[in-house]
């Protein structure tokens, strides 16, 4: 019995909003040690970027992420700064 190879993965273009949002979330690797927390943050930032999401302070408070080395308020401020760079 053999298995089929996995399907090919199509990556987002470098200039897409999805790639930028998930890149921002990945940049907080030092503060969010769990990969799923970073993916959840990236999804929430994408929703914020397209106008459907909450503000960063609400995202940090409600996402139930494990945060290390920084307070939730400071993390929300850093996220707000990064999101400001997207919208420019």
Protein backbone atom coordinates (compact mmCIF):
# COMPACT_ATOMS: atom_id res chain seq x y z
CA UNK A 1 0.00 0.00 0.00
CA UNK A 2 1.35 3.41 -0.93
CA UNK A 3 0.38 6.94 -0.08
CA UNK A 4 0.02 9.88 -2.35
CA UNK A 5 2.31 12.90 -2.02
CA UNK A 6 0.84 15.86 -0.16
CA UNK A 7 -0.81 18.57 -2.22
CA UNK A 8 1.29 21.52 -3.30
CA UNK A 9 1.04 24.61 -1.15
CA UNK A 10 0.51 27.94 -2.84
CA UNK A 11 2.17 30.69 -0.81
CA UNK A 12 0.83 34.22 -0.57
CA UNK A 13 2.65 36.86 -2.63
CA UNK A 14 5.15 38.93 -0.64
CA UNK A 15 3.09 42.12 -0.97
CA UNK A 16 -0.27 40.58 0.02
CA UNK A 17 -2.06 41.75 3.14
CA UNK A 18 -2.16 38.18 4.45
CA UNK A 19 1.62 37.79 4.23
CA UNK A 20 2.17 41.15 5.95
CA UNK A 21 -0.23 40.36 8.83
CA UNK A 22 1.19 36.92 9.49
CA UNK A 23 4.71 38.38 9.23
CA UNK A 24 3.88 40.90 11.93
CA UNK A 25 2.54 38.13 14.15
CA UNK A 26 5.70 36.08 13.55
CA UNK A 27 7.84 39.08 14.53
CA UNK A 28 6.48 38.75 18.08
CA UNK A 29 8.07 35.29 18.41
CA UNK A 30 9.99 36.37 21.53
CA UNK A 31 6.80 37.37 23.34
CA UNK A 32 4.50 34.62 21.98
CA UNK A 33 6.38 31.31 22.27
CA UNK A 34 3.51 29.10 21.06
CA UNK A 35 3.21 28.94 17.23
CA UNK A 36 -0.58 28.58 17.33
CA UNK A 37 -0.84 31.81 19.32
CA UNK A 38 1.12 33.61 16.60
CA UNK A 39 -1.13 32.14 13.91
CA UNK A 40 -4.21 33.24 15.86
CA UNK A 41 -2.74 36.74 16.18
CA UNK A 42 -1.99 36.80 12.45
CA UNK A 43 -5.57 35.87 11.63
CA UNK A 44 -6.91 38.55 13.96
CA UNK A 45 -4.58 41.14 12.41
CA UNK A 46 -5.79 40.12 8.94
CA UNK A 47 -9.39 40.59 10.03
CA UNK A 48 -8.46 44.00 11.47
CA UNK A 49 -6.74 44.97 8.21
CA UNK A 50 -9.79 44.15 6.10
CA UNK A 51 -12.09 46.02 8.48
CA UNK A 52 -13.79 43.10 10.24
CA UNK A 53 -11.65 42.72 13.36
CA UNK A 54 -11.22 44.24 16.78
CA UNK A 55 -8.60 46.71 17.93
CA UNK A 56 -5.23 45.32 19.12
CA UNK A 57 -6.04 45.81 22.81
CA UNK A 58 -9.21 43.72 22.41
CA UNK A 59 -7.35 41.11 20.35
CA UNK A 60 -4.65 40.68 23.01
CA UNK A 61 -7.19 40.51 25.81
CA UNK A 62 -9.58 38.03 24.13
CA UNK A 63 -7.22 35.76 22.17
CA UNK A 64 -6.02 33.97 25.34
CA UNK A 65 -2.41 33.87 24.18
CA UNK A 66 0.51 32.86 26.38
CA UNK A 67 2.60 36.03 26.64
CA UNK A 68 6.13 36.04 28.06
CA UNK A 69 8.47 38.92 28.84
CA UNK A 70 6.01 41.76 28.23
CA UNK A 71 2.74 42.97 29.66
CA UNK A 72 -0.48 42.71 27.66
CA UNK A 73 -0.76 46.50 27.49
CA UNK A 74 2.75 46.88 26.07
CA UNK A 75 2.16 44.07 23.59
CA UNK A 76 -1.04 45.77 22.41
CA UNK A 77 0.89 49.03 21.93
CA UNK A 78 3.58 47.28 19.88
CA UNK A 79 0.92 45.59 17.74
CA UNK A 80 -0.82 48.95 17.23
CA UNK A 81 2.45 50.47 15.99
CA UNK A 82 2.97 47.63 13.51
CA UNK A 83 -0.62 47.83 12.27
CA UNK A 84 -0.14 51.56 11.75
CA UNK A 85 2.68 50.74 9.34
CA UNK A 86 0.36 48.50 7.30
CA UNK A 87 -2.29 51.15 6.80
CA UNK A 88 0.20 53.74 5.48
